[in-house]
């Protein structure tokens, strides 16, 4: 479900696929193993507000994609292709995200302290 005017998208209970149009959107997967689909091309990105270990982020699989730590207190990770931000993952350390170029997915470590 979403509200285009406020640019927010909410998953429901269960395994949701969440994608957005061009622009900047805040997205929540809520319960379930959700898939957040980033834009390949176009302008804009999604702010993933509640990434869980069972969720995944899909991307182009391009070698120019990287994960960076950022924010005033370096409290968020962002997924960048070249010089284009594809997603911001709130409250997650870049080192806790695993990037799989072959399968074009990014996942969160189930236990970052392990």
C-alpha atoms as a PDB file:
ATOM      1  CA  UNK A   1       0.000   0.000   0.000  1.00  0.00           C
ATOM      2  CA  UNK A   2       1.276   3.464  -0.626  1.00  0.00           C
ATOM      3  CA  UNK A   3       0.611   7.149  -0.581  1.00  0.00           C
ATOM      4  CA  UNK A   4       2.139   8.744  -3.707  1.00  0.00           C
ATOM      5  CA  UNK A   5       1.545  12.278  -2.460  1.00  0.00           C
ATOM      6  CA  UNK A   6       3.600  11.686   0.705  1.00  0.00           C
ATOM      7  CA  UNK A   7       5.871   9.197  -1.109  1.00  0.00           C
ATOM      8  CA  UNK A   8       5.550   6.427   1.458  1.00  0.00           C
ATOM      9  CA  UNK A   9       5.055   2.727   0.792  1.00  0.00           C
ATOM     10  CA  UNK A  10       4.071   0.165   3.433  1.00  0.00           C
ATOM     11  CA  UNK A  11       4.255  -3.594   3.064  1.00  0.00           C
ATOM     12  CA  UNK A  12       1.652  -5.704   4.741  1.00  0.00           C
ATOM     13  CA  UNK A  13       1.988  -8.917   6.721  1.00  0.00           C
ATOM     14  CA  UNK A  14       3.682 -11.553   4.592  1.00  0.00           C
ATOM     15  CA  UNK A  15       6.356 -11.508   1.934  1.00  0.00           C
ATOM     16  CA  UNK A  16       6.053  -8.274  -0.031  1.00  0.00           C
ATOM     17  CA  UNK A  17       7.811  -6.962  -3.123  1.00  0.00           C
ATOM     18  CA  UNK A  18       8.300  -3.235  -2.733  1.00  0.00           C
ATOM     19  CA  UNK A  19       9.311  -1.056  -5.654  1.00  0.00           C
ATOM     20  CA  UNK A  20       8.832   2.633  -6.301  1.00  0.00           C
ATOM     21  CA  UNK A  21       8.628   5.010  -9.218  1.00  0.00           C
ATOM     22  CA  UNK A  22      11.182   7.765  -9.752  1.00  0.00           C
ATOM     23  CA  UNK A  23      11.515  10.093  -6.786  1.00  0.00           C
ATOM     24  CA  UNK A  24      12.480   9.624  -3.150  1.00  0.00           C
ATOM     25  CA  UNK A  25      10.258   7.298  -1.127  1.00  0.00           C
ATOM     26  CA  UNK A  26      10.275   6.059   2.467  1.00  0.00           C
ATOM     27  CA  UNK A  27       9.464   2.345   2.500  1.00  0.00           C
ATOM     28  CA  UNK A  28       8.596  -0.153   5.222  1.00  0.00           C
ATOM     29  CA  UNK A  29       8.358  -3.889   4.628  1.00  0.00           C
ATOM     30  CA  UNK A  30       6.834  -4.708   8.009  1.00  0.00           C
ATOM     31  CA  UNK A  31       6.506  -8.444   8.769  1.00  0.00           C
ATOM     32  CA  UNK A  32       7.623 -11.200   6.422  1.00  0.00           C
ATOM     33  CA  UNK A  33      10.569 -11.761   4.073  1.00  0.00           C
ATOM     34  CA  UNK A  34      10.322  -8.656   1.928  1.00  0.00           C
ATOM     35  CA  UNK A  35      12.099  -7.721  -1.295  1.00  0.00           C
ATOM     36  CA  UNK A  36      13.015  -4.092  -1.917  1.00  0.00           C
ATOM     37  CA  UNK A  37      13.601  -3.481  -5.639  1.00  0.00           C
ATOM     38  CA  UNK A  38      15.901  -0.578  -6.465  1.00  0.00           C
ATOM     39  CA  UNK A  39      15.593   1.397  -9.696  1.00  0.00           C
ATOM     40  CA  UNK A  40      18.095   0.640 -12.426  1.00  0.00           C
ATOM     41  CA  UNK A  41      18.231   3.982 -14.151  1.00  0.00           C
ATOM     42  CA  UNK A  42      15.852   6.817 -13.440  1.00  0.00           C
ATOM     43  CA  UNK A  43      16.181   9.416 -10.737  1.00  0.00           C
ATOM     44  CA  UNK A  44      15.499   8.788  -7.108  1.00  0.00           C
ATOM     45  CA  UNK A  45      15.940   6.196  -4.415  1.00  0.00           C
ATOM     46  CA  UNK A  46      14.141   4.487  -1.567  1.00  0.00           C
ATOM     47  CA  UNK A  47      14.809   4.976   2.129  1.00  0.00           C
ATOM     48  CA  UNK A  48      14.404   1.533   3.630  1.00  0.00           C
ATOM     49  CA  UNK A  49      13.183   2.157   7.155  1.00  0.00           C
ATOM     50  CA  UNK A  50      13.045  -1.396   8.588  1.00  0.00           C
ATOM     51  CA  UNK A  51      15.400  -3.850   6.866  1.00  0.00           C
ATOM     52  CA  UNK A  52      15.394  -7.238   8.623  1.00  0.00           C
ATOM     53  CA  UNK A  53      17.726 -10.256   8.150  1.00  0.00           C
ATOM     54  CA  UNK A  54      15.026 -12.157   6.219  1.00  0.00           C
ATOM     55  CA  UNK A  55      14.603  -9.283   3.725  1.00  0.00           C
ATOM     56  CA  UNK A  56      16.618  -8.626   0.574  1.00  0.00           C
ATOM     57  CA  UNK A  57      17.373  -5.683  -1.649  1.00  0.00           C
ATOM     58  CA  UNK A  58      17.612  -6.326  -5.371  1.00  0.00           C
ATOM     59  CA  UNK A  59      19.873  -4.251  -7.607  1.00  0.00           C
ATOM     60  CA  UNK A  60      21.274  -4.349 -11.142  1.00  0.00           C
ATOM     61  CA  UNK A  61      24.214  -6.566 -10.211  1.00  0.00           C
ATOM     62  CA  UNK A  62      26.498  -3.978 -11.786  1.00  0.00           C
ATOM     63  CA  UNK A  63      30.160  -4.017 -10.715  1.00  0.00           C
ATOM     64  CA  UNK A  64      29.963  -0.250 -10.106  1.00  0.00           C
ATOM     65  CA  UNK A  65      27.535  -0.801  -7.193  1.00  0.00           C
ATOM     66  CA  UNK A  66      28.937  -0.309  -3.699  1.00  0.00           C
ATOM     67  CA  UNK A  67      27.765   0.118  -0.113  1.00  0.00           C
ATOM     68  CA  UNK A  68      28.894   3.138   1.905  1.00  0.00           C
ATOM     69  CA  UNK A  69      28.437   4.306   5.484  1.00  0.00           C
ATOM     70  CA  UNK A  70      27.040   7.828   5.776  1.00  0.00           C
ATOM     71  CA  UNK A  71      25.021  10.260   7.852  1.00  0.00           C
ATOM     72  CA  UNK A  72      25.994  12.956  10.318  1.00  0.00           C
ATOM     73  CA  UNK A  73      26.764  10.247  12.864  1.00  0.00           C
ATOM     74  CA  UNK A  74      27.482   7.618  10.172  1.00  0.00           C
ATOM     75  CA  UNK A  75      24.420   5.684  11.306  1.00  0.00           C
ATOM     76  CA  UNK A  76      23.044   4.647   7.900  1.00  0.00           C
ATOM     77  CA  UNK A  77      24.227   2.702   4.866  1.00  0.00           C
ATOM     78  CA  UNK A  78      23.614   3.683   1.290  1.00  0.00           C
ATOM     79  CA  UNK A  79      23.716   1.668  -1.892  1.00  0.00           C
ATOM     80  CA  UNK A  80      25.340   3.574  -4.730  1.00  0.00           C
ATOM     81  CA  UNK A  81      25.749   2.718  -8.422  1.00  0.00           C
ATOM     82  CA  UNK A  82      28.506   4.883  -9.860  1.00  0.00           C
ATOM     83  CA  UNK A  83      27.527   8.299  -8.495  1.00  0.00           C
ATOM     84  CA  UNK A  84      23.780   7.547  -8.245  1.00  0.00           C
ATOM     85  CA  UNK A  85      22.228   6.674  -4.861  1.00  0.00           C
ATOM     86  CA  UNK A  86      19.869   3.698  -5.250  1.00  0.00           C
ATOM     87  CA  UNK A  87      18.823   3.138  -1.614  1.00  0.00           C
ATOM     88  CA  UNK A  88      19.467   4.326   1.916  1.00  0.00           C
ATOM     89  CA  UNK A  89      19.132   1.755   4.685  1.00  0.00           C
ATOM     90  CA  UNK A  90      18.285   3.489   7.957  1.00  0.00           C
ATOM     91  CA  UNK A  91      20.131   2.481  11.121  1.00  0.00           C
ATOM     92  CA  UNK A  92      22.305  -0.174   9.449  1.00  0.00           C
ATOM     93  CA  UNK A  93      26.086  -0.345   9.219  1.00  0.00           C
ATOM     94  CA  UNK A  94      27.518  -0.828   5.728  1.00  0.00           C
ATOM     95  CA  UNK A  95      29.703  -3.654   7.031  1.00  0.00           C
ATOM     96  CA  UNK A  96      26.573  -5.580   8.071  1.00  0.00           C
ATOM     97  CA  UNK A  97      25.260  -5.705   4.494  1.00  0.00           C
ATOM     98  CA  UNK A  98      26.333  -8.477   2.132  1.00  0.00           C
ATOM     99  CA  UNK A  99      26.436  -7.707  -1.575  1.00  0.00           C
ATOM    100  CA  UNK A 100      26.043 -10.678  -3.956  1.00  0.00           C
ATOM    101  CA  UNK A 101      26.822  -9.508  -7.497  1.00  0.00           C
ATOM    102  CA  UNK A 102      26.076 -12.891  -9.094  1.00  0.00           C
ATOM    103  CA  UNK A 103      22.501 -13.022  -7.747  1.00  0.00           C
ATOM    104  CA  UNK A 104      22.069  -9.216  -7.695  1.00  0.00           C
ATOM    105  CA  UNK A 105      20.901  -9.104  -4.064  1.00  0.00           C
ATOM    106  CA  UNK A 106      21.963  -7.383  -0.881  1.00  0.00           C
ATOM    107  CA  UNK A 107      21.143  -8.921   2.493  1.00  0.00           C
ATOM    108  CA  UNK A 108      21.612  -8.040   6.138  1.00  0.00           C
ATOM    109  CA  UNK A 109      23.761 -10.247   8.371  1.00  0.00           C
ATOM    110  CA  UNK A 110      21.408 -12.205  10.630  1.00  0.00           C
ATOM    111  CA  UNK A 111      23.692 -11.595  13.622  1.00  0.00           C
ATOM    112  CA  UNK A 112      26.178  -8.765  13.072  1.00  0.00           C
ATOM    113  CA  UNK A 113      27.865  -9.543  16.403  1.00  0.00           C
ATOM    114  CA  UNK A 114      28.733 -13.129  15.348  1.00  0.00           C
END
